[in-house]
Protein backbone atom coordinates (compact mmCIF):
# COMPACT_ATOMS: atom_id res chain seq x y z
CA MET A 1 0.00 0.00 0.00
CA ILE A 2 1.32 3.45 -0.88
CA ILE A 3 1.57 5.70 2.16
CA LYS A 4 1.84 9.48 1.88
CA ARG A 5 3.45 11.80 4.45
CA THR A 6 6.31 10.18 4.22
CA ARG A 7 23.77 30.76 -11.56
CA GLY A 8 26.34 29.57 -15.83
CA ILE A 9 23.34 31.89 -15.51
CA TRP A 10 21.87 31.96 -18.95
CA GLY A 11 18.33 30.77 -19.34
CA ALA A 12 16.11 30.62 -22.36
CA LEU A 13 16.57 33.51 -24.79
CA PHE A 14 13.73 34.59 -27.01
CA ILE A 15 13.60 36.77 -30.11
CA SER A 16 10.46 38.18 -31.67
CA VAL A 17 9.70 37.44 -35.31
CA ALA A 18 6.42 38.74 -36.73
CA GLY A 19 5.02 38.96 -33.23
CA SER A 20 5.87 35.40 -32.21
CA ALA A 21 8.41 34.14 -29.67
CA ILE A 22 11.08 31.77 -30.93
CA PHE A 23 13.70 30.01 -28.82
CA ALA A 24 17.22 31.03 -29.76
CA ALA A 25 20.07 29.10 -28.19
CA PRO A 26 23.22 31.25 -27.97
CA PRO A 27 26.44 29.71 -29.31
CA VAL A 28 28.73 28.20 -26.70
CA LYS A 29 32.46 27.50 -26.71
CA VAL A 30 33.41 24.19 -25.11
CA THR A 31 36.97 23.60 -23.92
CA LEU A 32 37.95 19.95 -23.54
CA LYS A 33 40.35 18.57 -20.96
CA ASN A 34 42.92 17.90 -23.70
CA GLY A 35 42.93 21.60 -24.59
CA ALA A 36 40.86 21.33 -27.78
CA GLN A 37 37.95 23.73 -28.30
CA VAL A 38 34.70 23.43 -30.22
CA GLN A 39 31.89 25.93 -30.76
CA GLY A 40 28.24 25.41 -31.62
CA GLU A 41 24.64 25.68 -30.45
CA ILE A 42 23.30 23.42 -27.72
CA LEU A 43 20.64 21.09 -29.08
CA ARG A 44 20.11 19.00 -25.99
CA GLU A 45 21.71 18.38 -22.61
CA ARG A 46 21.90 15.23 -20.54
CA ASP A 47 23.83 14.46 -17.40
CA ASP A 48 26.39 12.50 -19.42
CA VAL A 49 26.38 14.16 -22.87
CA LEU A 50 26.21 17.67 -24.35
CA MET A 51 24.79 17.70 -27.90
CA LEU A 52 26.21 20.51 -30.05
CA ASP A 53 25.05 21.64 -33.50
CA LEU A 54 28.23 22.60 -35.40
CA GLY A 55 26.30 23.70 -38.47
CA PHE A 56 27.35 20.80 -40.68
CA THR A 57 27.04 17.99 -38.12
CA VAL A 58 25.93 17.23 -34.58
CA LEU A 59 28.62 16.39 -32.02
CA ASN A 60 28.00 14.48 -28.79
CA VAL A 61 30.52 15.68 -26.21
CA PRO A 62 30.90 13.48 -23.09
CA ARG A 63 30.48 15.53 -19.91
CA GLN A 64 33.56 14.02 -18.28
CA GLU A 65 35.72 15.38 -21.13
CA ILE A 66 34.53 19.00 -20.70
CA ALA A 67 36.84 21.33 -18.81
CA ALA A 68 34.80 24.53 -19.34
CA GLN A 69 32.06 26.05 -21.45
CA GLU A 70 30.89 29.62 -21.99
CA VAL A 71 28.39 31.58 -24.05
CA THR A 72 30.05 33.40 -26.96
CA GLY A 73 29.16 35.82 -29.76
CA PRO A 74 26.99 38.95 -29.67
CA GLN A 75 24.48 37.21 -27.41
CA LYS A 76 27.01 36.70 -24.63
CA GLN A 77 26.15 39.85 -22.70
CA ALA A 78 22.40 39.39 -23.15
CA ALA A 79 22.62 35.75 -22.13
CA ALA A 80 24.58 36.58 -19.01
CA SER A 81 21.82 38.94 -17.87
CA VAL A 82 19.08 36.32 -18.14
CA VAL A 83 18.45 34.74 -14.75
CA GLN A 84 14.90 33.49 -14.99
CA GLY A 85 13.80 32.14 -18.32
CA GLU A 86 10.27 31.18 -17.30
CA ASP A 87 7.27 32.67 -15.54
CA MET A 88 7.96 31.75 -11.90
CA TYR A 89 10.96 29.45 -12.06
CA PHE A 90 14.24 29.42 -13.93
CA VAL A 91 16.29 26.88 -15.83
CA GLU A 92 20.05 26.77 -16.29
CA PRO A 93 21.07 24.80 -19.41
CA GLY A 94 24.80 25.36 -18.89
CA ARG A 95 24.87 24.06 -15.33
CA GLU A 96 27.75 21.68 -14.68
CA PRO A 97 27.37 18.31 -12.92
CA LEU A 98 29.24 18.08 -9.62
CA PRO A 99 30.16 15.33 -7.13
CA MET A 100 27.62 14.70 -4.38
CA ASP A 101 29.38 16.65 -1.61
CA LYS A 102 29.83 19.75 -3.76
CA ASN A 103 26.28 19.51 -5.06
CA VAL A 104 24.91 19.54 -1.51
CA LEU A 105 26.85 22.72 -0.80
CA ARG A 106 25.60 24.25 -4.05
CA VAL A 107 21.87 23.66 -3.48
CA GLY A 108 21.53 23.06 0.26
CA GLU A 109 20.61 26.60 1.30
CA ALA A 110 17.59 26.59 -1.03
CA VAL A 111 16.05 23.56 0.74
CA VAL A 112 13.77 24.55 3.62
CA GLN A 113 11.75 22.96 6.38
CA ILE A 114 7.99 23.60 6.52
CA GLN A 115 6.57 23.78 10.04
CA THR A 116 2.86 23.67 10.89
CA SER A 117 0.85 23.14 14.08
CA SER A 118 0.35 19.48 13.22
CA GLY A 119 3.74 18.47 11.83
CA LEU A 120 6.53 19.31 9.44
CA GLY A 121 7.69 18.70 5.92
CA SER A 122 10.21 19.99 3.41
CA GLY A 123 10.25 22.40 0.48
CA PHE A 124 12.55 24.42 -1.76
CA ILE A 125 12.84 28.03 -2.93
CA ILE A 126 12.44 28.56 -6.68
CA ASN A 127 13.02 32.31 -7.22
CA ARG A 128 14.10 35.65 -5.74
CA LEU A 129 10.53 36.46 -4.75
CA GLY A 130 10.68 33.82 -2.04
CA HIS A 131 8.25 31.36 -3.63
CA VAL A 132 8.49 27.91 -2.06
CA VAL A 133 7.26 24.61 -3.49
CA THR A 134 6.05 21.84 -1.20
CA ASN A 135 3.37 19.11 -1.06
CA GLN A 136 -0.26 20.03 -0.62
CA HIS A 137 -0.67 17.45 2.12
CA VAL A 138 2.05 19.17 4.17
CA ILE A 139 0.03 22.38 4.56
CA ALA A 140 -3.56 21.23 3.89
CA GLY A 141 -5.94 22.68 6.48
CA GLU A 142 -3.19 24.73 8.10
CA ARG A 143 -3.32 28.48 8.68
CA GLU A 144 -0.14 28.95 10.71
CA ILE A 145 2.89 28.01 8.62
CA SER A 146 6.56 28.78 9.16
CA VAL A 147 9.51 28.23 6.83
CA VAL A 148 12.94 27.46 8.26
CA VAL A 149 15.98 28.34 6.13
CA TYR A 150 19.46 26.96 6.85
CA ARG A 151 22.33 29.24 5.84
CA GLU A 152 26.06 28.60 5.85
CA LYS A 153 27.77 30.97 8.28
CA ASN A 154 31.16 30.88 10.00
CA GLY A 155 31.76 27.27 9.05
CA GLY A 156 28.39 26.13 10.37
CA LEU A 157 24.66 26.44 9.84
CA GLU A 158 22.46 29.28 10.96
CA LYS A 159 18.70 28.79 11.24
CA GLN A 160 16.41 31.56 10.12
CA VAL A 161 12.68 31.21 10.76
CA PHE A 162 10.17 33.07 8.59
CA PRO A 163 6.77 33.08 10.34
CA LYS A 164 4.87 35.15 7.77
CA ILE A 165 3.97 32.72 5.00
CA ARG A 166 1.20 33.06 2.42
CA ILE A 167 -0.41 30.19 0.52
CA ILE A 168 -0.43 31.13 -3.16
CA ALA A 169 -1.91 28.01 -4.77
CA MET A 170 -2.54 24.36 -3.98
CA ASN A 171 -3.83 21.24 -5.72
CA GLY A 172 -4.76 18.08 -3.86
CA PHE A 173 -4.77 15.78 -6.89
CA LEU A 174 -1.23 16.75 -7.90
CA ASP A 175 -0.25 17.10 -4.22
CA LEU A 176 1.53 20.39 -4.93
CA ALA A 177 1.43 23.78 -3.23
CA ILE A 178 3.10 27.16 -3.67
CA LEU A 179 3.95 29.29 -0.64
CA GLN A 180 5.52 32.72 -0.44
CA ILE A 181 7.86 33.99 2.25
CA ASP A 182 6.32 37.38 3.07
CA ASP A 183 9.54 39.12 4.08
CA VAL A 184 11.89 41.54 2.28
CA ALA A 185 14.80 39.31 3.33
CA ALA A 186 13.51 36.65 0.92
CA LYS A 187 15.31 38.46 -1.91
CA LYS A 188 18.64 37.41 -0.41
CA LEU A 189 17.81 33.71 -0.11
CA SER A 190 19.26 31.03 -2.39
CA PHE A 191 17.03 29.31 -4.93
CA VAL A 192 17.40 26.37 -7.30
CA PRO A 193 16.66 25.70 -11.00
CA LEU A 194 14.17 23.17 -12.32
CA GLY A 195 15.42 20.44 -14.63
CA ASP A 196 13.79 18.38 -17.38
CA SER A 197 12.34 15.24 -15.81
CA ASP A 198 11.65 13.76 -19.26
CA LEU A 199 15.41 13.33 -19.74
CA LEU A 200 15.77 11.04 -16.72
CA THR A 201 16.97 7.51 -17.46
CA GLN A 202 16.92 4.29 -15.46
CA GLY A 203 19.99 3.97 -13.28
CA GLN A 204 20.70 7.71 -13.28
CA PRO A 205 21.91 8.95 -9.85
CA VAL A 206 19.64 11.31 -7.92
CA PHE A 207 19.62 12.63 -4.36
CA ALA A 208 17.23 14.25 -1.90
CA ILE A 209 17.61 16.77 0.91
CA GLY A 210 14.95 17.14 3.58
CA SER A 211 13.95 16.62 7.20
CA PRO A 212 12.91 12.95 7.55
CA LEU A 213 11.42 12.40 11.02
CA GLY A 214 12.54 15.93 11.88
CA LEU A 215 16.23 15.20 11.23
CA GLU A 216 17.13 18.49 9.56
CA ARG A 217 19.06 18.70 6.30
CA SER A 218 19.42 14.96 5.86
CA VAL A 219 20.82 13.83 2.50
CA SER A 220 19.94 10.53 0.82
CA GLN A 221 21.13 9.22 -2.52
CA GLY A 222 19.74 6.68 -4.96
CA ILE A 223 19.09 5.94 -8.61
CA VAL A 224 16.08 6.30 -10.87
CA SER A 225 14.23 2.99 -10.91
CA VAL A 226 11.49 4.02 -13.36
CA ARG A 227 11.13 7.47 -14.93
CA ALA A 228 7.32 7.33 -15.12
CA ARG A 229 5.37 5.01 -12.81
CA GLU A 230 1.55 5.27 -12.70
CA THR A 231 0.36 6.36 -9.26
CA ARG A 232 -3.17 7.45 -8.33
CA GLY A 233 -4.06 8.30 -11.91
CA ALA A 234 -0.96 10.41 -12.53
CA TRP A 235 2.68 9.44 -12.91
CA SER A 236 5.66 9.62 -10.58
CA ILE A 237 9.40 9.11 -10.65
CA GLN A 238 10.25 5.91 -8.79
CA SER A 239 13.71 5.91 -7.24
CA THR A 240 15.71 4.09 -4.57
CA THR A 241 16.27 7.38 -2.71
CA GLN A 242 15.18 7.01 0.91
CA ILE A 243 12.04 9.09 1.51
CA ASN A 244 10.43 9.19 4.95
CA PRO A 245 7.91 11.35 6.84
CA GLY A 246 9.39 14.85 6.83
CA ASN A 247 10.86 14.47 3.33
CA SER A 248 7.47 15.31 1.83
CA GLY A 249 7.66 18.37 -0.40
CA GLY A 250 11.43 18.31 -0.61
CA PRO A 251 13.42 18.27 -3.87
CA LEU A 252 14.84 15.36 -5.81
CA PHE A 253 18.03 16.56 -7.53
CA ASN A 254 20.07 15.27 -10.47
CA ALA A 255 23.86 15.49 -10.75
CA ARG A 256 23.64 19.09 -12.02
CA GLY A 257 21.82 20.21 -8.92
CA GLU A 258 18.55 20.72 -10.81
CA VAL A 259 15.23 19.80 -9.23
CA VAL A 260 13.84 16.90 -11.27
CA GLY A 261 11.12 15.88 -8.82
CA VAL A 262 9.17 16.74 -5.67
CA ASN A 263 9.27 13.91 -3.10
CA ASN A 264 5.82 13.00 -1.85
CA MET A 265 5.37 9.35 -0.93
CA LYS A 266 6.92 5.94 -0.36
CA LEU A 267 5.86 2.31 -0.43
CA ALA A 268 5.63 1.16 3.17
CA GLY A 269 5.56 -2.33 4.63
CA VAL A 270 7.62 -4.90 6.47
CA GLY A 271 10.93 -5.37 4.67
CA VAL A 272 10.07 -2.77 2.02
CA GLU A 273 12.90 -0.31 1.36
CA GLY A 274 14.08 1.86 -1.49
CA LEU A 275 10.68 2.52 -3.07
CA GLY A 276 10.31 6.28 -3.08
CA PHE A 277 8.13 8.36 -5.39
CA SER A 278 8.46 11.93 -6.60
CA ILE A 279 6.28 14.25 -8.67
CA PRO A 280 8.11 14.97 -11.97
CA ALA A 281 9.54 18.47 -12.41
CA ASN A 282 7.77 18.86 -15.76
CA LEU A 283 4.43 18.29 -14.03
CA LEU A 284 5.45 20.89 -11.44
CA LYS A 285 6.24 23.37 -14.23
CA GLN A 286 2.72 22.98 -15.61
CA PHE A 287 1.28 23.61 -12.14
CA LEU A 288 3.42 26.74 -11.73
CA LYS A 289 2.43 28.11 -15.14
CA ASN A 290 -1.27 27.51 -14.45
CA ARG A 291 -1.25 28.43 -10.77
CA ASP A 292 -4.08 30.94 -11.21
CA ALA A 293 -6.45 28.02 -11.73
CA PHE A 294 -5.55 26.75 -8.25
CA ALA A 295 -5.23 30.11 -6.46
CA PHE A 296 -5.83 29.81 -2.73
CA ASP A 297 -8.65 31.80 -1.13
CA PRO A 298 -9.23 31.16 2.60
CA ARG A 299 -12.81 32.46 2.27
CA ASN A 300 -13.69 29.81 -0.32
CA PRO A 301 -14.02 26.19 0.90
CA ASN A 302 -13.50 25.02 -2.68
CA SER A 303 -10.30 27.03 -3.08
CA GLY A 304 -7.86 25.34 -5.42
CA PHE A 305 -10.65 23.24 -6.97
CA ARG A 306 -10.90 21.07 -3.87
CA TYR A 307 -14.60 20.48 -4.40
CA LEU A 308 -16.83 19.24 -1.61
CA SER A 309 -17.99 15.64 -1.89
CA PRO A 310 -21.47 15.24 -3.41
CA PRO A 311 -24.24 14.16 -1.01
CA ALA A 312 -25.08 10.47 -0.88
CA PRO A 313 -28.35 9.33 -2.57
CA ALA A 314 -31.35 9.73 -0.25
CA SER A 315 -33.15 6.59 0.92
CA ALA A 316 -36.05 5.77 3.18
CA LYS A 317 -33.72 4.53 5.92
CA SER A 318 -31.14 7.29 5.66
CA PRO A 319 -31.50 10.90 6.77
CA LYS A 320 -31.75 13.67 4.22
CA PRO A 321 -28.28 14.86 3.15
CA GLN A 322 -27.25 18.09 4.79
CA ASP A 323 -26.46 21.22 2.86
CA PRO A 324 -22.71 21.00 2.15
CA GLN A 325 -22.42 24.69 3.06
CA SER A 326 -23.95 24.25 6.53
């Protein structure tokens, strides 16, 4: 039974042609470890290979052979100024893969703990406005929410608690929610990019950061078992990454430190281990882009399209169904 609770800064560049937006990838110069250099446009990126269009052919460059890469040409300055290529989140195509320990240092400060009156969960900051993604079940029914940020300071960690949190949107079916840290200091907090979950492959290493059972900033590592596993009418990333109560809402990262999933449940049972599930990042992106459809309104009991259950059919032996608004 499945149990829940458990800045390379350039982004997408766009040019306008006849009133329409077209993606334009700036040329990049790649320096190999043997000193050779090659220049072209990025067609596709994976954790192990960078695909470059050289104009007359396509070259697959192994990641382990790349010493450096940079945006070149007249678009270099414009590309460097692009931080957020999407509506509420940002992507970072030129982001380099790092070893686990360095990755944790790179993304750790953007992972937060969500505290409510009934429990806790995890989340992560996705932009300079202080928007935080977590699971809907972590904050469902709650009105007093705090976000705890952990910042590196003087060789250690410093906790910073933000008690003023607003619910922006939530969706129970997707089990996703958007919060906002209502504090001017949010502009100085670290945030993380979203990756492309469709590019995940079986056996690819991933890792999670969260607060399982309240153990703050715990790191667990695993591999992708199945990129798309059907769960509750949707699909999830199945991985061997350990996910426990308190991990809910936390990020699942790839080797480039991109969020590829939102951890939300595990398969529980005697002797059952290594069966964790995460909401794909591409599903999260759709939720973020269409957040207005799930906007939270505390005055509306159906806020976020969480409709009340229909009354049961009346019968001679059963009382008349009550008005759902009473």
